C-alpha atoms as a PDB file:
ATOM      1  CA  MET A   1      -1.318 -18.929 -35.705  1.00  0.00           C
ATOM      2  CA  GLU A   2       1.977 -19.009 -33.815  1.00  0.00           C
ATOM      3  CA  LYS A   3       3.069 -15.975 -31.871  1.00  0.00           C
ATOM      4  CA  ASN A   4       6.711 -15.362 -32.490  1.00  0.00           C
ATOM      5  CA  ASN A   5       7.827 -12.485 -30.313  1.00  0.00           C
ATOM      6  CA  ALA A   6      11.272 -11.104 -30.949  1.00  0.00           C
ATOM      7  CA  ARG A   7      11.922 -10.365 -27.274  1.00  0.00           C
ATOM      8  CA  PRO A   8      11.635 -12.890 -24.457  1.00  0.00           C
ATOM      9  CA  GLN A   9       9.190 -11.939 -21.705  1.00  0.00           C
ATOM     10  CA  ARG A  10      10.749 -10.646 -18.488  1.00  0.00           C
ATOM     11  CA  LYS A  11       9.404 -11.273 -15.017  1.00  0.00           C
ATOM     12  CA  PRO A  12       8.248  -8.094 -13.293  1.00  0.00           C
ATOM     13  CA  ARG A  13      10.365  -6.983 -10.354  1.00  0.00           C
ATOM     14  CA  ARG A  14       9.185  -7.915  -6.877  1.00  0.00           C
ATOM     15  CA  LYS A  15       7.854  -4.885  -5.034  1.00  0.00           C
ATOM     16  CA  VAL A  16       9.533  -4.078  -1.753  1.00  0.00           C
ATOM     17  CA  CYS A  17       7.780  -2.925   1.385  1.00  0.00           C
ATOM     18  CA  MET A  18       8.175   0.846   1.789  1.00  0.00           C
ATOM     19  CA  PHE A  19       8.042   0.493   5.569  1.00  0.00           C
ATOM     20  CA  CYS A  20      10.781  -2.170   5.652  1.00  0.00           C
ATOM     21  CA  VAL A  21      12.975   0.063   3.485  1.00  0.00           C
ATOM     22  CA  ASP A  22      12.513   2.939   5.966  1.00  0.00           C
ATOM     23  CA  ARG A  23      13.109   0.491   8.852  1.00  0.00           C
ATOM     24  CA  ALA A  24       9.877   1.640  10.474  1.00  0.00           C
ATOM     25  CA  GLU A  25       9.193  -0.146  13.732  1.00  0.00           C
ATOM     26  CA  LYS A  26       5.686   1.273  14.021  1.00  0.00           C
ATOM     27  CA  ILE A  27       3.393   2.906  11.509  1.00  0.00           C
ATOM     28  CA  ASP A  28       2.182   6.218  12.894  1.00  0.00           C
ATOM     29  CA  TYR A  29      -1.523   6.912  12.341  1.00  0.00           C
ATOM     30  CA  LYS A  30      -0.765  10.664  12.343  1.00  0.00           C
ATOM     31  CA  ASP A  31       1.485  10.412   9.269  1.00  0.00           C
ATOM     32  CA  ILE A  32      -1.295  11.088   6.763  1.00  0.00           C
ATOM     33  CA  ALA A  33       0.982  11.457   3.715  1.00  0.00           C
ATOM     34  CA  LYS A  34       2.342   7.921   4.072  1.00  0.00           C
ATOM     35  CA  LEU A  35      -1.095   6.448   4.757  1.00  0.00           C
ATOM     36  CA  ARG A  36      -2.587   8.178   1.695  1.00  0.00           C
ATOM     37  CA  LYS A  37      -0.098   6.370  -0.571  1.00  0.00           C
ATOM     38  CA  CYS A  38      -1.712   3.087   0.456  1.00  0.00           C
ATOM     39  CA  MET A  39      -5.277   4.198  -0.292  1.00  0.00           C
ATOM     40  CA  THR A  40      -7.278   4.697  -3.464  1.00  0.00           C
ATOM     41  CA  ASP A  41      -8.898   8.002  -4.405  1.00  0.00           C
ATOM     42  CA  ARG A  42     -12.129   6.493  -3.067  1.00  0.00           C
ATOM     43  CA  ALA A  43     -10.447   6.076   0.357  1.00  0.00           C
ATOM     44  CA  LYS A  44     -10.192   2.289   0.151  1.00  0.00           C
ATOM     45  CA  ILE A  45      -7.156   0.474   1.552  1.00  0.00           C
ATOM     46  CA  LEU A  46      -5.023  -0.963  -1.233  1.00  0.00           C
ATOM     47  CA  PRO A  47      -4.120  -4.673  -0.976  1.00  0.00           C
ATOM     48  CA  ARG A  48      -0.604  -6.030  -0.479  1.00  0.00           C
ATOM     49  CA  ARG A  49      -0.285  -7.237  -4.062  1.00  0.00           C
ATOM     50  CA  VAL A  50      -0.747  -3.661  -5.312  1.00  0.00           C
ATOM     51  CA  THR A  51       1.427  -1.764  -2.814  1.00  0.00           C
ATOM     52  CA  GLY A  52       4.059  -4.449  -2.204  1.00  0.00           C
ATOM     53  CA  THR A  53       3.765  -4.072   1.565  1.00  0.00           C
ATOM     54  CA  CYS A  54       4.824  -7.089   3.636  1.00  0.00           C
ATOM     55  CA  ALA A  55       2.196  -8.949   5.686  1.00  0.00           C
ATOM     56  CA  PHE A  56       3.409  -7.595   9.033  1.00  0.00           C
ATOM     57  CA  HIS A  57       3.300  -3.968   7.922  1.00  0.00           C
ATOM     58  CA  GLN A  58       0.018  -4.429   6.020  1.00  0.00           C
ATOM     59  CA  ARG A  59      -1.693  -5.413   9.281  1.00  0.00           C
ATOM     60  CA  GLU A  60      -0.183  -2.386  11.046  1.00  0.00           C
ATOM     61  CA  LEU A  61      -1.099  -0.152   8.112  1.00  0.00           C
ATOM     62  CA  THR A  62      -4.736  -1.255   8.213  1.00  0.00           C
ATOM     63  CA  THR A  63      -4.927  -0.514  11.927  1.00  0.00           C
ATOM     64  CA  ALA A  64      -3.267   2.890  11.471  1.00  0.00           C
ATOM     65  CA  ILE A  65      -5.670   3.871   8.661  1.00  0.00           C
ATOM     66  CA  LYS A  66      -8.672   2.814  10.736  1.00  0.00           C
ATOM     67  CA  ARG A  67      -7.401   4.840  13.713  1.00  0.00           C
ATOM     68  CA  ALA A  68      -6.847   7.894  11.511  1.00  0.00           C
ATOM     69  CA  ARG A  69     -10.370   7.528  10.126  1.00  0.00           C
ATOM     70  CA  HIS A  70     -11.819   7.238  13.623  1.00  0.00           C
ATOM     71  CA  ILE A  71     -10.362  10.562  14.742  1.00  0.00           C
ATOM     72  CA  ALA A  72     -11.228  12.210  11.384  1.00  0.00           C
ATOM     73  CA  LEU A  73      -7.726  12.585   9.953  1.00  0.00           C
ATOM     74  CA  LEU A  74      -8.747  10.476   6.949  1.00  0.00           C
ATOM     75  CA  PRO A  75     -12.156  10.074   5.290  1.00  0.00           C
ATOM     76  CA  TYR A  76     -14.150   6.845   5.403  1.00  0.00           C
ATOM     77  CA  THR A  77     -15.415   7.446   1.852  1.00  0.00           C
ATOM     78  CA  ALA A  78     -14.752   9.814  -1.033  1.00  0.00           C
ATOM     79  CA  ASP A  79     -16.688  13.052  -1.351  1.00  0.00           C
END
């Protein structure tokens, strides 16, 4: 009944914000490649816990994705 694992469990590494690493002051809504990394294949915005983005940049990211959708650079939904 007891589980006796040979190896102790390690804590997963904390994800770091990709925008903080790049020292980005603003997230550009025209940079589609960077915005696509933070979206699913169904064009949904991924949450912070999945991407590791900090709260400040997550708010900017959401605004940038919505702006890009509005001017048809990104889709609202998947095809």
